[in-house]
């Protein structure tokens, strides 16, 4: 019940694997964590076992889009723009700036932009 109050889901979600297992599942690394546990290590540094949370940060959708743009992860940036109703021109502009000038780059980016002045 306390777990549900903290936003972790039901207490039955946490019981078999604990908070670390729940978090690994939410982060999409549950399979890797299970394989590392079965191997007897974290899978990263040989004999080191367990996981440690280094950073937990809250970001706005615009900030997340910028993170994906810096990594040239255009698909994720487009997806976030669509889901949160953000202007996709930011993504097209960044993708255009990062590409070499070619017919394909022009066809992929410029016609889809609404505001071409920037």
Protein backbone atom coordinates (compact mmCIF):
# COMPACT_ATOMS: atom_id res chain seq x y z
CA UNK A 1 0.00 0.00 0.00
CA UNK A 2 2.85 2.37 0.79
CA UNK A 3 4.40 1.57 -2.57
CA UNK A 4 1.18 2.49 -4.35
CA UNK A 5 1.01 5.74 -2.40
CA UNK A 6 4.51 6.62 -3.59
CA UNK A 7 3.53 5.97 -7.21
CA UNK A 8 5.30 2.63 -7.62
CA UNK A 9 2.17 0.67 -8.46
CA UNK A 10 0.67 -1.95 -6.19
CA UNK A 11 2.68 -3.53 -3.43
CA UNK A 12 2.39 -6.85 -5.31
CA UNK A 13 4.34 -5.21 -8.17
CA UNK A 14 7.27 -4.71 -5.82
CA UNK A 15 7.14 -7.85 -3.70
CA UNK A 16 8.93 -10.42 -5.90
CA UNK A 17 11.72 -8.20 -7.18
CA UNK A 18 11.86 -5.14 -4.95
CA UNK A 19 12.18 -1.52 -5.91
CA UNK A 20 15.37 -2.07 -7.94
CA UNK A 21 13.65 -4.72 -10.06
CA UNK A 22 10.62 -2.51 -10.58
CA UNK A 23 12.83 0.41 -11.61
CA UNK A 24 14.87 -1.79 -13.96
CA UNK A 25 11.61 -2.85 -15.61
CA UNK A 26 10.46 0.74 -16.02
CA UNK A 27 13.85 1.74 -17.47
CA UNK A 28 13.75 -1.14 -19.93
CA UNK A 29 16.81 -2.92 -18.54
CA UNK A 30 15.02 -5.69 -16.64
CA UNK A 31 16.28 -8.45 -18.96
CA UNK A 32 19.88 -7.27 -18.59
CA UNK A 33 19.48 -7.01 -14.81
CA UNK A 34 18.02 -10.53 -14.61
CA UNK A 35 20.84 -11.94 -16.76
CA UNK A 36 23.44 -10.17 -14.62
CA UNK A 37 21.83 -11.48 -11.43
CA UNK A 38 21.81 -15.02 -12.85
CA UNK A 39 25.49 -14.65 -13.77
CA UNK A 40 26.27 -13.49 -10.26
CA UNK A 41 27.38 -9.98 -11.20
CA UNK A 42 26.06 -6.67 -12.44
CA UNK A 43 27.35 -7.53 -15.89
CA UNK A 44 29.32 -4.30 -15.96
CA UNK A 45 32.29 -4.71 -13.67
CA UNK A 46 32.78 -8.43 -13.15
CA UNK A 47 32.44 -9.05 -9.42
CA UNK A 48 30.42 -5.96 -8.58
CA UNK A 49 26.83 -6.83 -7.69
CA UNK A 50 23.77 -4.64 -7.48
CA UNK A 51 22.63 -1.39 -8.98
CA UNK A 52 23.11 2.19 -7.88
CA UNK A 53 20.94 5.12 -8.89
CA UNK A 54 23.26 7.94 -9.91
CA UNK A 55 20.78 10.57 -11.07
CA UNK A 56 17.05 11.01 -11.06
CA UNK A 57 16.05 14.18 -12.89
CA UNK A 58 12.76 15.74 -13.91
CA UNK A 59 12.69 17.28 -17.38
CA UNK A 60 10.13 19.07 -19.47
CA UNK A 61 9.16 17.60 -22.85
CA UNK A 62 11.09 20.42 -24.56
CA UNK A 63 14.23 19.52 -22.59
CA UNK A 64 13.85 15.85 -23.52
CA UNK A 65 13.54 16.78 -27.20
CA UNK A 66 16.77 18.79 -26.89
CA UNK A 67 18.55 15.79 -25.31
CA UNK A 68 17.52 13.61 -28.26
CA UNK A 69 18.56 16.28 -30.75
CA UNK A 70 22.05 16.53 -29.20
CA UNK A 71 22.35 12.73 -29.63
CA UNK A 72 21.00 12.93 -33.21
CA UNK A 73 18.15 10.62 -32.19
CA UNK A 74 15.69 12.11 -34.64
CA UNK A 75 13.02 9.42 -34.29
CA UNK A 76 12.68 9.88 -30.54
CA UNK A 77 12.67 13.66 -30.92
CA UNK A 78 9.88 13.44 -33.52
CA UNK A 79 7.92 11.04 -31.32
CA UNK A 80 8.14 13.34 -28.27
CA UNK A 81 7.16 16.33 -30.41
CA UNK A 82 4.08 14.51 -31.65
CA UNK A 83 3.06 13.10 -28.25
CA UNK A 84 3.37 16.45 -26.44
CA UNK A 85 2.11 18.65 -29.30
CA UNK A 86 5.44 20.43 -29.77
CA UNK A 87 6.57 22.09 -32.99
CA UNK A 88 8.37 19.52 -35.16
CA UNK A 89 10.17 22.32 -37.02
CA UNK A 90 12.77 22.31 -34.25
CA UNK A 91 13.59 18.69 -35.09
CA UNK A 92 13.63 19.28 -38.86
CA UNK A 93 15.87 22.33 -38.38
CA UNK A 94 18.33 20.39 -36.21
CA UNK A 95 18.36 17.43 -38.59
CA UNK A 96 18.93 19.77 -41.55
CA UNK A 97 21.80 21.52 -39.73
CA UNK A 98 23.45 18.19 -38.90
CA UNK A 99 23.18 16.74 -42.42
CA UNK A 100 25.41 17.24 -45.41
CA UNK A 101 23.81 19.16 -48.26
CA UNK A 102 22.27 16.71 -50.69
CA UNK A 103 19.06 16.22 -52.63
CA UNK A 104 17.93 13.60 -50.10
CA UNK A 105 18.56 15.94 -47.13
CA UNK A 106 16.63 18.72 -48.86
CA UNK A 107 13.73 16.41 -49.69
CA UNK A 108 13.67 14.93 -46.16
CA UNK A 109 13.72 18.20 -44.25
CA UNK A 110 12.90 21.44 -46.01
CA UNK A 111 9.45 20.66 -47.49
CA UNK A 112 8.22 19.44 -44.09
CA UNK A 113 9.15 22.65 -42.27
CA UNK A 114 6.39 25.19 -41.75
CA UNK A 115 8.66 28.12 -40.87
CA UNK A 116 11.68 28.27 -43.21
CA UNK A 117 12.93 31.71 -42.14
CA UNK A 118 14.92 30.55 -39.10
